[in-house]
Each structure stands twice: as structure tokens, then as C-alpha cells.
Amino acid sequence: MDELKITNCNRLENLPRLPMQLDTLILSGCINLASIPILPRSLRELNCDRCIRLRELPAFPRFLDNFSCVGCNLRVQPIISRR
């Protein structure tokens, strides 16, 4: 699986373990999503716009190219390392 797209799913509260080969994760509008599991190293894009219950994110993969979390209430803004 290369891409997982779940949008406007009000019943989604948690995600199961994600496939290690995932490269795009789009979760926009999942207003009850409270947690995201460890992100795969292969992930290049993460969008969790309007996931208003999401407070924390796991460590970011080293090569994440695109990140959007507009309308989230994250306690700490993530730092994307480009080493």
C-alpha cells in the first residue's frame, strides 16, 4: 500500500499499526482522531488537517517532504530533521 486516505471520518479515534511501505497518509477532517501510531520510515507526506483532538505526533520519518496539520491543537510543533 502506497497511500492511505481517510477523510471526514468522525468515528475514527485511533489508527492501527501502519504498513511499513506507506508513503502518503492523509487523515484530514477526522475530528475525533486522538492518536497516530509510529510512522513508517518510508512516509513522505502526512496531512492531518482539522484533526482537532490530535495533541501529539510520533517521531517524524527522516525524509518527510510534506506535512500539514492546519486546525490541529498540537501541544508541540514537530521538527522535521533534514540530516
C-alpha atoms as a PDB file:
ATOM      1  CA  MET A   1       0.000   0.000   0.000  1.00  0.00           C
ATOM      2  CA  ASP A   2       1.454   3.350  -1.056  1.00  0.00           C
ATOM      3  CA  GLU A   3      -1.286   5.703   0.115  1.00  0.00           C
ATOM      4  CA  LEU A   4      -3.875   5.682   2.874  1.00  0.00           C
ATOM      5  CA  LYS A   5      -6.539   8.370   2.655  1.00  0.00           C
ATOM      6  CA  ILE A   6      -9.246   8.706   5.296  1.00  0.00           C
ATOM      7  CA  THR A   7     -11.145  11.991   5.279  1.00  0.00           C
ATOM      8  CA  ASN A   8     -14.002  13.337   7.370  1.00  0.00           C
ATOM      9  CA  CYS A   9     -14.360  10.097   9.318  1.00  0.00           C
ATOM     10  CA  ASN A  10     -15.878  11.255  12.608  1.00  0.00           C
ATOM     11  CA  ARG A  11     -15.786   7.769  14.170  1.00  0.00           C
ATOM     12  CA  LEU A  12     -12.033   7.307  13.751  1.00  0.00           C
ATOM     13  CA  GLU A  13     -10.284   7.722  17.123  1.00  0.00           C
ATOM     14  CA  ASN A  14      -7.065   5.720  16.680  1.00  0.00           C
ATOM     15  CA  LEU A  15      -5.211   4.100  13.824  1.00  0.00           C
ATOM     16  CA  PRO A  16      -3.838   0.574  13.860  1.00  0.00           C
ATOM     17  CA  ARG A  17      -0.200  -0.087  13.047  1.00  0.00           C
ATOM     18  CA  LEU A  18       0.587   1.355   9.628  1.00  0.00           C
ATOM     19  CA  PRO A  19       2.159  -0.590   6.738  1.00  0.00           C
ATOM     20  CA  MET A  20       5.932  -0.086   6.600  1.00  0.00           C
ATOM     21  CA  GLN A  21       5.881   0.759   2.871  1.00  0.00           C
ATOM     22  CA  LEU A  22       3.302   3.579   3.239  1.00  0.00           C
ATOM     23  CA  ASP A  23       4.383   6.820   1.628  1.00  0.00           C
ATOM     24  CA  THR A  24       1.326   9.064   1.905  1.00  0.00           C
ATOM     25  CA  LEU A  25      -1.018   9.360   4.887  1.00  0.00           C
ATOM     26  CA  ILE A  26      -3.998  11.703   4.606  1.00  0.00           C
ATOM     27  CA  LEU A  27      -6.315  11.961   7.612  1.00  0.00           C
ATOM     28  CA  SER A  28      -7.923  15.363   7.112  1.00  0.00           C
ATOM     29  CA  GLY A  29     -11.182  16.159   8.881  1.00  0.00           C
ATOM     30  CA  CYS A  30     -11.061  13.158  11.241  1.00  0.00           C
ATOM     31  CA  ILE A  31     -12.180  15.301  14.172  1.00  0.00           C
ATOM     32  CA  ASN A  32     -12.097  12.529  16.806  1.00  0.00           C
ATOM     33  CA  LEU A  33      -8.685  11.154  15.886  1.00  0.00           C
ATOM     34  CA  ALA A  34      -6.664  11.279  19.114  1.00  0.00           C
ATOM     35  CA  SER A  35      -3.509   9.354  18.246  1.00  0.00           C
ATOM     36  CA  ILE A  36      -1.368   8.179  15.374  1.00  0.00           C
ATOM     37  CA  PRO A  37       0.932   5.154  15.739  1.00  0.00           C
ATOM     38  CA  ILE A  38       4.625   5.117  14.878  1.00  0.00           C
ATOM     39  CA  LEU A  39       5.055   6.481  11.384  1.00  0.00           C
ATOM     40  CA  PRO A  40       6.797   4.296   8.796  1.00  0.00           C
ATOM     41  CA  ARG A  41      10.253   5.405   7.649  1.00  0.00           C
ATOM     42  CA  SER A  42       9.027   5.379   4.056  1.00  0.00           C
ATOM     43  CA  LEU A  43       6.424   8.127   4.731  1.00  0.00           C
ATOM     44  CA  ARG A  44       6.893  11.218   2.527  1.00  0.00           C
ATOM     45  CA  GLU A  45       3.582  13.046   3.094  1.00  0.00           C
ATOM     46  CA  LEU A  46       1.411  13.495   6.182  1.00  0.00           C
ATOM     47  CA  ASN A  47      -1.800  15.535   6.247  1.00  0.00           C
ATOM     48  CA  CYS A  48      -3.848  15.673   9.422  1.00  0.00           C
ATOM     49  CA  ASP A  49      -5.671  18.978   8.827  1.00  0.00           C
ATOM     50  CA  ARG A  50      -8.680  19.583  11.113  1.00  0.00           C
ATOM     51  CA  CYS A  51      -7.918  16.607  13.372  1.00  0.00           C
ATOM     52  CA  ILE A  52      -8.826  18.750  16.361  1.00  0.00           C
ATOM     53  CA  ARG A  53      -8.395  16.073  19.080  1.00  0.00           C
ATOM     54  CA  LEU A  54      -4.886  15.215  17.926  1.00  0.00           C
ATOM     55  CA  ARG A  55      -2.452  16.581  20.541  1.00  0.00           C
ATOM     56  CA  GLU A  56       0.809  14.761  19.792  1.00  0.00           C
ATOM     57  CA  LEU A  57       2.526  13.151  16.862  1.00  0.00           C
ATOM     58  CA  PRO A  58       5.049  10.320  16.898  1.00  0.00           C
ATOM     59  CA  ALA A  59       8.616  10.926  15.719  1.00  0.00           C
ATOM     60  CA  PHE A  60       8.753  12.031  12.113  1.00  0.00           C
ATOM     61  CA  PRO A  61      10.453   9.964   9.441  1.00  0.00           C
ATOM     62  CA  ARG A  62      13.715  11.477   8.262  1.00  0.00           C
ATOM     63  CA  PHE A  63      12.611  12.061   4.686  1.00  0.00           C
ATOM     64  CA  LEU A  64       9.130  13.518   5.226  1.00  0.00           C
ATOM     65  CA  ASP A  65       8.656  16.052   2.400  1.00  0.00           C
ATOM     66  CA  ASN A  66       5.143  17.394   3.012  1.00  0.00           C
ATOM     67  CA  PHE A  67       3.433  17.968   6.343  1.00  0.00           C
ATOM     68  CA  SER A  68       0.184  19.784   7.065  1.00  0.00           C
ATOM     69  CA  CYS A  69      -1.700  19.975  10.336  1.00  0.00           C
ATOM     70  CA  VAL A  70      -3.860  23.093   9.903  1.00  0.00           C
ATOM     71  CA  GLY A  71      -6.581  23.370  12.535  1.00  0.00           C
ATOM     72  CA  CYS A  72      -4.948  20.879  14.906  1.00  0.00           C
ATOM     73  CA  ASN A  73      -4.278  21.547  18.571  1.00  0.00           C
ATOM     74  CA  LEU A  74      -0.802  20.038  18.812  1.00  0.00           C
ATOM     75  CA  ARG A  75       0.940  20.626  22.142  1.00  0.00           C
ATOM     76  CA  VAL A  76       4.355  20.739  20.479  1.00  0.00           C
ATOM     77  CA  GLN A  77       5.010  21.647  16.881  1.00  0.00           C
ATOM     78  CA  PRO A  78       7.055  18.876  15.250  1.00  0.00           C
ATOM     79  CA  ILE A  79      10.563  19.460  13.995  1.00  0.00           C
ATOM     80  CA  ILE A  80      11.417  17.802  10.718  1.00  0.00           C
ATOM     81  CA  SER A  81      15.062  16.789  10.580  1.00  0.00           C
ATOM     82  CA  ARG A  82      16.757  17.024   7.171  1.00  0.00           C
ATOM     83  CA  ARG A  83      20.021  15.270   8.104  1.00  0.00           C
END
